[in-house]
Amino acid sequence: MENGLTLTEQFRDYEDMWVAILESESRIVGSGADPLEARSDAERKGYSETTLFQVPAFDQLYVP
């Protein structure tokens, strides 16, 4: 975990952005305005096996 934070806590810094998550360590390793940017950021840091996730805007309601 990044600085001992859970993924949910880490999302606070990435509102309305795409993030690349390293699931094995439960941490965010890349970010960007779109999924390609987030994946590219993670790969530049040496992480090729990541999961992409779009962090929603916190002031909007999401109903699946």
N, C-alpha and C. Protein backbone atom coordinates (compact mmCIF):
# COMPACT_ATOMS: atom_id res chain seq x y z
N MET A 1 0.83 -1.19 0.00
CA MET A 1 0.00 0.00 0.00
C MET A 1 0.87 1.25 0.00
N GLU A 2 0.41 2.23 -0.69
CA GLU A 2 1.11 3.50 -0.77
C GLU A 2 0.97 4.25 0.55
N ASN A 3 2.09 4.40 1.28
CA ASN A 3 2.09 5.09 2.57
C ASN A 3 1.07 4.52 3.55
N GLY A 4 0.77 3.22 3.46
CA GLY A 4 -0.16 2.60 4.38
C GLY A 4 -1.62 2.91 4.11
N LEU A 5 -1.93 3.54 2.99
CA LEU A 5 -3.31 3.90 2.66
C LEU A 5 -3.98 2.78 1.88
N THR A 6 -5.27 2.59 2.10
CA THR A 6 -6.03 1.65 1.30
C THR A 6 -6.25 2.27 -0.09
N LEU A 7 -6.66 1.46 -1.05
CA LEU A 7 -6.93 2.00 -2.39
C LEU A 7 -7.99 3.09 -2.33
N THR A 8 -9.03 2.87 -1.54
CA THR A 8 -10.10 3.87 -1.43
C THR A 8 -9.53 5.21 -0.96
N GLU A 9 -8.64 5.18 0.00
CA GLU A 9 -8.04 6.41 0.50
C GLU A 9 -7.13 7.05 -0.55
N GLN A 10 -6.44 6.23 -1.34
CA GLN A 10 -5.56 6.75 -2.38
C GLN A 10 -6.35 7.45 -3.48
N PHE A 11 -7.59 7.01 -3.73
CA PHE A 11 -8.41 7.59 -4.79
C PHE A 11 -8.68 9.08 -4.57
N ARG A 12 -8.61 9.54 -3.34
CA ARG A 12 -8.89 10.96 -3.05
C ARG A 12 -8.02 11.90 -3.87
N ASP A 13 -6.81 11.48 -4.17
CA ASP A 13 -5.88 12.32 -4.93
C ASP A 13 -6.09 12.25 -6.44
N TYR A 14 -7.01 11.39 -6.89
CA TYR A 14 -7.18 11.14 -8.33
C TYR A 14 -8.62 11.33 -8.79
N GLU A 15 -9.34 12.23 -8.18
CA GLU A 15 -10.74 12.46 -8.54
C GLU A 15 -10.87 12.78 -10.03
N ASP A 16 -11.81 12.08 -10.69
CA ASP A 16 -12.14 12.29 -12.10
C ASP A 16 -10.96 12.01 -13.03
N MET A 17 -10.10 11.07 -12.66
CA MET A 17 -8.96 10.67 -13.48
C MET A 17 -8.96 9.16 -13.66
N TRP A 18 -8.15 8.69 -14.57
CA TRP A 18 -7.91 7.26 -14.74
C TRP A 18 -6.66 6.90 -13.97
N VAL A 19 -6.66 5.72 -13.34
CA VAL A 19 -5.49 5.25 -12.60
C VAL A 19 -5.15 3.83 -13.03
N ALA A 20 -3.87 3.51 -12.93
CA ALA A 20 -3.38 2.15 -13.16
C ALA A 20 -3.05 1.60 -11.78
N ILE A 21 -3.66 0.46 -11.46
CA ILE A 21 -3.52 -0.12 -10.12
C ILE A 21 -2.69 -1.39 -10.19
N LEU A 22 -1.74 -1.52 -9.29
CA LEU A 22 -0.99 -2.75 -9.12
C LEU A 22 -1.71 -3.52 -8.02
N GLU A 23 -2.54 -4.48 -8.44
CA GLU A 23 -3.41 -5.18 -7.49
C GLU A 23 -2.64 -5.99 -6.46
N SER A 24 -1.51 -6.55 -6.84
CA SER A 24 -0.76 -7.38 -5.90
C SER A 24 -0.29 -6.61 -4.68
N GLU A 25 -0.12 -5.29 -4.84
CA GLU A 25 0.33 -4.45 -3.72
C GLU A 25 -0.72 -3.43 -3.30
N SER A 26 -1.89 -3.46 -3.93
CA SER A 26 -2.98 -2.53 -3.62
C SER A 26 -2.52 -1.08 -3.62
N ARG A 27 -1.92 -0.69 -4.75
CA ARG A 27 -1.50 0.71 -4.84
C ARG A 27 -1.61 1.22 -6.27
N ILE A 28 -1.71 2.52 -6.38
CA ILE A 28 -1.80 3.19 -7.66
C ILE A 28 -0.38 3.46 -8.16
N VAL A 29 -0.11 3.04 -9.41
CA VAL A 29 1.24 3.19 -9.95
C VAL A 29 1.28 4.08 -11.19
N GLY A 30 0.13 4.58 -11.62
CA GLY A 30 0.08 5.48 -12.77
C GLY A 30 -1.24 6.21 -12.81
N SER A 31 -1.26 7.35 -13.48
CA SER A 31 -2.51 8.11 -13.59
C SER A 31 -2.48 8.96 -14.85
N GLY A 32 -3.68 9.39 -15.26
CA GLY A 32 -3.77 10.24 -16.43
C GLY A 32 -5.20 10.66 -16.71
N ALA A 33 -5.36 11.49 -17.70
CA ALA A 33 -6.69 12.00 -18.07
C ALA A 33 -7.51 10.95 -18.81
N ASP A 34 -6.83 9.95 -19.39
CA ASP A 34 -7.52 8.87 -20.09
C ASP A 34 -6.78 7.56 -19.81
N PRO A 35 -7.38 6.42 -20.18
CA PRO A 35 -6.76 5.14 -19.85
C PRO A 35 -5.38 4.94 -20.49
N LEU A 36 -5.19 5.45 -21.69
CA LEU A 36 -3.88 5.30 -22.34
C LEU A 36 -2.79 6.05 -21.60
N GLU A 37 -3.12 7.23 -21.13
CA GLU A 37 -2.17 8.03 -20.35
C GLU A 37 -1.81 7.33 -19.04
N ALA A 38 -2.81 6.78 -18.36
CA ALA A 38 -2.57 6.09 -17.09
C ALA A 38 -1.69 4.86 -17.31
N ARG A 39 -1.99 4.07 -18.35
CA ARG A 39 -1.20 2.87 -18.65
C ARG A 39 0.23 3.27 -19.01
N SER A 40 0.38 4.29 -19.83
CA SER A 40 1.71 4.76 -20.24
C SER A 40 2.52 5.24 -19.03
N ASP A 41 1.88 5.96 -18.12
CA ASP A 41 2.55 6.44 -16.90
C ASP A 41 3.06 5.26 -16.08
N ALA A 42 2.23 4.24 -15.92
CA ALA A 42 2.63 3.05 -15.16
C ALA A 42 3.77 2.32 -15.84
N GLU A 43 3.70 2.18 -17.15
CA GLU A 43 4.75 1.47 -17.89
C GLU A 43 6.08 2.21 -17.82
N ARG A 44 6.06 3.56 -17.85
CA ARG A 44 7.29 4.34 -17.70
C ARG A 44 7.95 4.07 -16.35
N LYS A 45 7.14 3.73 -15.35
CA LYS A 45 7.65 3.45 -14.01
C LYS A 45 8.01 1.98 -13.83
N GLY A 46 7.84 1.17 -14.90
CA GLY A 46 8.23 -0.22 -14.84
C GLY A 46 7.12 -1.20 -14.49
N TYR A 47 5.88 -0.77 -14.55
CA TYR A 47 4.74 -1.63 -14.22
C TYR A 47 3.93 -1.92 -15.48
N SER A 48 4.02 -3.14 -15.98
CA SER A 48 3.31 -3.48 -17.21
C SER A 48 2.01 -4.24 -16.97
N GLU A 49 1.89 -4.89 -15.84
CA GLU A 49 0.68 -5.67 -15.52
C GLU A 49 -0.17 -4.92 -14.51
N THR A 50 -1.03 -4.03 -15.01
CA THR A 50 -1.86 -3.22 -14.12
C THR A 50 -3.33 -3.33 -14.51
N THR A 51 -4.17 -2.88 -13.62
CA THR A 51 -5.61 -2.80 -13.87
C THR A 51 -5.97 -1.33 -13.96
N LEU A 52 -6.77 -0.97 -14.97
CA LEU A 52 -7.18 0.42 -15.13
C LEU A 52 -8.53 0.66 -14.48
N PHE A 53 -8.68 1.84 -13.88
CA PHE A 53 -9.92 2.19 -13.19
C PHE A 53 -10.13 3.69 -13.32
N GLN A 54 -11.36 4.09 -13.60
CA GLN A 54 -11.68 5.52 -13.65
C GLN A 54 -12.26 5.93 -12.31
N VAL A 55 -11.58 6.84 -11.64
CA VAL A 55 -12.06 7.35 -10.36
C VAL A 55 -13.15 8.38 -10.67
N PRO A 56 -14.36 8.18 -10.15
CA PRO A 56 -15.45 9.11 -10.47
C PRO A 56 -15.28 10.45 -9.76
N ALA A 57 -15.99 11.45 -10.27
CA ALA A 57 -16.05 12.73 -9.58
C ALA A 57 -16.80 12.52 -8.28
N PHE A 58 -16.33 13.09 -7.21
CA PHE A 58 -16.91 12.82 -5.89
C PHE A 58 -18.23 13.53 -5.65
N ASP A 59 -18.54 14.51 -6.47
CA ASP A 59 -19.80 15.24 -6.27
C ASP A 59 -20.93 14.72 -7.16
N GLN A 60 -20.72 13.55 -7.77
CA GLN A 60 -21.75 12.96 -8.61
C GLN A 60 -22.18 11.61 -8.06
N LEU A 61 -23.42 11.28 -8.29
CA LEU A 61 -23.97 9.99 -7.85
C LEU A 61 -23.85 8.99 -8.98
N TYR A 62 -23.40 7.79 -8.66
CA TYR A 62 -23.28 6.72 -9.66
C TYR A 62 -24.15 5.56 -9.23
N VAL A 63 -25.06 5.16 -10.09
CA VAL A 63 -25.94 4.02 -9.79
C VAL A 63 -25.73 3.00 -10.92
N PRO A 64 -25.16 1.83 -10.61
CA PRO A 64 -24.91 0.83 -11.66
C PRO A 64 -26.19 0.19 -12.16
